[in-house]
Amino acid sequence: MSCLYRRNSYKVGVPHVNGRQRRRSILALVTGFIETILVWTGIIVGVALPLNILISVLYKYVLHSPIAWSNELSMYLFCWITFIGASLAVKRSDIRVVPYLFDRLRPTPQMIVSVFVQISIFVFAAVMSYFSFIWITSPSLMNTVTSLFFVKVWMFYTIIPFSMLSIAFFTVHRIAIYLQQWISVKRGGQVC
């Protein structure tokens, strides 16, 4: 496998030059901060979801008094963990690929394919971010309240534009890393 494309290589953003670690770019710092927020939010949601399901099952089958809001909360928490997981998968390049043909390409076509894939992900994330923000700020959603929580629905759906913006930042950072690696290889250096 070429140095230009390495799956699970989310630590690639800090290349070493002459044995010293190069300063991280602003983009790397921003994406690192966003990743930290996503990880901690994922931990909180990942603990809350099974806890909510456990409490729901206990109340329903042991106490014979089902909690009405637990199904709705589980649905929203599952939605959150899905979007958080998708964002982190893009950041860490854990997206499923079929490397059979890709690994047989030379480094330059590999870089072109990798950048094209990242640009496609960026366009999708940017469009989804834009339209989800418009959707969340629409009066119909801003004024809607959940049936059992009596909380504004838009609060639960904020994860959609946030995760899409995160994916957009992560793909821009990944493209910058690919281009840095490609330039380094073209100059005769080795990145990996």
Protein backbone atom coordinates (compact mmCIF):
# COMPACT_ATOMS: atom_id res chain seq x y z
CA MET A 1 0.00 0.00 0.00
CA SER A 2 1.30 3.43 -0.88
CA CYS A 3 2.27 6.12 1.59
CA LEU A 4 -0.23 8.52 0.06
CA TYR A 5 -3.24 6.65 1.29
CA ARG A 6 -3.24 4.93 4.61
CA ARG A 7 -6.43 3.80 6.26
CA ASN A 8 -6.66 4.57 9.98
CA SER A 9 -3.98 7.22 9.61
CA TYR A 10 -5.60 10.10 11.45
CA LYS A 11 -2.28 10.97 13.14
CA VAL A 12 -0.67 11.69 9.76
CA GLY A 13 -1.35 15.44 10.04
CA VAL A 14 1.91 16.17 11.88
CA PRO A 15 4.76 15.23 9.54
CA HIS A 16 8.29 15.00 10.86
CA VAL A 17 11.07 17.00 9.24
CA ASN A 18 14.69 16.14 10.04
CA GLY A 19 13.65 14.24 13.15
CA ARG A 20 11.70 17.18 14.58
CA GLN A 21 7.96 17.42 14.78
CA ARG A 22 6.52 20.17 12.61
CA ARG A 23 4.05 22.63 14.15
CA ARG A 24 0.42 21.71 13.67
CA SER A 25 -1.62 23.87 11.35
CA ILE A 26 -4.64 25.86 12.47
CA LEU A 27 -6.81 23.44 10.51
CA ALA A 28 -5.30 20.51 12.42
CA LEU A 29 -5.95 22.26 15.73
CA VAL A 30 -9.57 23.05 14.79
CA THR A 31 -10.26 19.50 13.60
CA GLY A 32 -8.60 18.13 16.74
CA PHE A 33 -10.84 20.32 18.90
CA ILE A 34 -13.95 19.25 16.97
CA GLU A 35 -12.88 15.62 17.31
CA THR A 36 -12.53 16.04 21.08
CA ILE A 37 -16.03 17.51 21.31
CA LEU A 38 -17.42 14.65 19.22
CA VAL A 39 -15.63 11.99 21.26
CA TRP A 40 -16.86 13.32 24.60
CA THR A 41 -20.38 13.83 23.27
CA GLY A 42 -20.26 10.29 21.90
CA ILE A 43 -19.18 8.96 25.29
CA ILE A 44 -22.03 10.76 27.03
CA VAL A 45 -24.60 9.61 24.47
CA GLY A 46 -23.08 6.12 24.42
CA VAL A 47 -23.62 5.84 28.18
CA ALA A 48 -27.06 7.50 28.14
CA LEU A 49 -28.53 5.29 25.39
CA PRO A 50 -28.08 1.85 27.04
CA LEU A 51 -28.91 3.37 30.43
CA ASN A 52 -32.17 4.73 29.03
CA ILE A 53 -32.99 1.36 27.46
CA LEU A 54 -32.16 -0.47 30.70
CA ILE A 55 -34.38 1.84 32.75
CA SER A 56 -37.14 1.48 30.16
CA VAL A 57 -36.99 -2.32 30.30
CA LEU A 58 -36.92 -2.33 34.11
CA TYR A 59 -39.94 -0.08 34.35
CA LYS A 60 -41.86 -1.97 31.68
CA TYR A 61 -41.22 -5.59 32.69
CA VAL A 62 -40.31 -5.40 36.38
CA LEU A 63 -42.45 -2.55 37.67
CA HIS A 64 -45.18 -2.99 35.02
CA SER A 65 -45.32 0.76 34.54
CA PRO A 66 -43.77 1.71 31.18
CA ILE A 67 -42.15 5.10 30.80
CA ALA A 68 -43.75 6.93 27.90
CA TRP A 69 -40.79 9.11 26.96
CA SER A 70 -38.08 6.43 26.92
CA ASN A 71 -38.77 5.30 23.33
CA GLU A 72 -38.62 8.86 22.05
CA LEU A 73 -35.40 9.57 23.95
CA SER A 74 -33.84 6.35 22.62
CA MET A 75 -34.69 7.40 19.08
CA TYR A 76 -33.02 10.80 19.49
CA LEU A 77 -29.96 9.34 21.26
CA PHE A 78 -29.58 6.72 18.53
CA CYS A 79 -29.75 9.48 15.92
CA TRP A 80 -27.05 11.42 17.77
CA ILE A 81 -24.71 8.45 18.12
CA THR A 82 -25.13 7.65 14.42
CA PHE A 83 -24.14 11.14 13.28
CA ILE A 84 -21.30 11.37 15.81
CA GLY A 85 -19.99 7.99 14.66
CA ALA A 86 -20.17 9.03 11.01
CA SER A 87 -18.22 12.21 11.74
CA LEU A 88 -15.53 10.37 13.66
CA ALA A 89 -15.29 7.71 10.94
CA VAL A 90 -14.54 10.42 8.38
CA LYS A 91 -11.98 12.05 10.70
CA ARG A 92 -10.17 8.78 11.32
CA SER A 93 -10.52 7.47 7.75
CA ASP A 94 -12.45 4.45 8.97
CA ILE A 95 -14.73 4.56 5.97
CA ARG A 96 -15.10 1.16 4.35
CA VAL A 97 -13.23 0.91 1.08
CA VAL A 98 -12.53 -1.80 -1.44
CA PRO A 99 -8.75 -1.60 -1.75
CA TYR A 100 -8.41 -4.29 -4.44
CA LEU A 101 -8.12 -1.88 -7.39
CA PHE A 102 -6.93 1.10 -5.39
CA ASP A 103 -3.82 -0.66 -4.09
CA ARG A 104 -2.76 -1.50 -7.64
CA LEU A 105 -2.66 2.14 -8.71
CA ARG A 106 0.53 4.16 -8.83
CA PRO A 107 0.96 6.92 -6.20
CA THR A 108 -0.26 9.82 -8.36
CA PRO A 109 -3.54 8.14 -9.44
CA GLN A 110 -4.00 7.02 -5.81
CA MET A 111 -3.71 10.61 -4.67
CA ILE A 112 -6.11 11.79 -7.39
CA VAL A 113 -8.69 9.15 -6.43
CA SER A 114 -8.26 9.93 -2.72
CA VAL A 115 -8.71 13.67 -3.25
CA PHE A 116 -11.71 13.04 -5.51
CA VAL A 117 -13.34 10.88 -2.83
CA GLN A 118 -12.66 13.53 -0.18
CA ILE A 119 -14.05 16.29 -2.42
CA SER A 120 -17.18 14.19 -2.99
CA ILE A 121 -17.59 13.73 0.76
CA PHE A 122 -17.02 17.47 1.27
CA VAL A 123 -19.68 18.43 -1.30
CA PHE A 124 -22.18 16.02 0.27
CA ALA A 125 -21.43 17.32 3.78
CA ALA A 126 -21.62 20.97 2.70
CA VAL A 127 -24.95 20.51 0.93
CA MET A 128 -26.40 18.51 3.83
CA SER A 129 -25.10 21.07 6.33
CA TYR A 130 -26.66 23.95 4.42
CA PHE A 131 -30.07 22.35 3.97
CA SER A 132 -30.19 20.89 7.48
CA PHE A 133 -29.44 24.34 8.92
CA ILE A 134 -32.25 25.82 6.82
CA TRP A 135 -34.53 22.99 7.98
CA ILE A 136 -33.66 23.43 11.67
CA THR A 137 -34.15 27.20 11.56
CA SER A 138 -37.47 26.93 9.73
CA PRO A 139 -40.43 28.24 11.73
CA SER A 140 -42.25 24.92 11.49
CA LEU A 141 -39.44 23.11 13.33
CA MET A 142 -38.50 25.98 15.66
CA ASN A 143 -42.03 26.07 17.05
CA THR A 144 -42.57 22.31 17.27
CA VAL A 145 -42.37 20.69 20.68
CA THR A 146 -41.79 16.98 21.33
CA SER A 147 -44.91 15.12 22.32
CA LEU A 148 -43.58 13.77 25.62
CA PHE A 149 -40.61 15.96 26.64
CA PHE A 150 -42.15 19.34 25.86
CA VAL A 151 -38.77 20.43 24.50
CA LYS A 152 -38.27 22.22 21.20
CA VAL A 153 -37.57 19.62 18.50
CA TRP A 154 -34.82 21.65 16.82
CA MET A 155 -32.57 21.05 19.85
CA PHE A 156 -32.50 17.34 19.14
CA TYR A 157 -31.74 17.86 15.46
CA THR A 158 -28.77 20.22 15.93
CA ILE A 159 -26.49 17.20 15.59
CA ILE A 160 -27.21 17.01 11.85
CA PRO A 161 -25.68 20.35 10.76
CA PHE A 162 -22.95 20.08 13.40
CA SER A 163 -21.88 16.63 12.23
CA MET A 164 -22.02 17.67 8.57
CA LEU A 165 -19.89 20.76 9.27
CA SER A 166 -17.48 18.53 11.18
CA ILE A 167 -17.26 16.16 8.22
CA ALA A 168 -16.61 19.13 5.92
CA PHE A 169 -13.74 20.34 8.14
CA PHE A 170 -12.34 16.82 8.40
CA THR A 171 -12.35 16.32 4.63
CA VAL A 172 -10.64 19.67 4.00
CA HIS A 173 -7.97 18.66 6.53
CA ARG A 174 -7.60 15.23 4.91
CA ILE A 175 -7.22 16.82 1.44
CA ALA A 176 -4.51 19.12 2.83
CA ILE A 177 -2.71 16.09 4.28
CA TYR A 178 -2.91 14.20 0.98
CA LEU A 179 -1.56 17.17 -0.94
CA GLN A 180 1.27 17.69 1.58
CA GLN A 181 2.22 14.04 1.29
CA TRP A 182 2.06 14.13 -2.50
CA ILE A 183 4.26 17.25 -2.65
CA SER A 184 6.72 15.64 -0.24
CA VAL A 185 6.90 12.48 -2.35
CA LYS A 186 7.31 14.51 -5.56
CA ARG A 187 10.23 16.36 -3.97
CA GLY A 188 11.89 13.04 -3.26
CA GLY A 189 10.97 12.70 0.40
CA GLN A 190 9.16 9.87 2.08
CA VAL A 191 6.25 10.57 4.42
CA CYS A 192 5.55 7.17 5.96
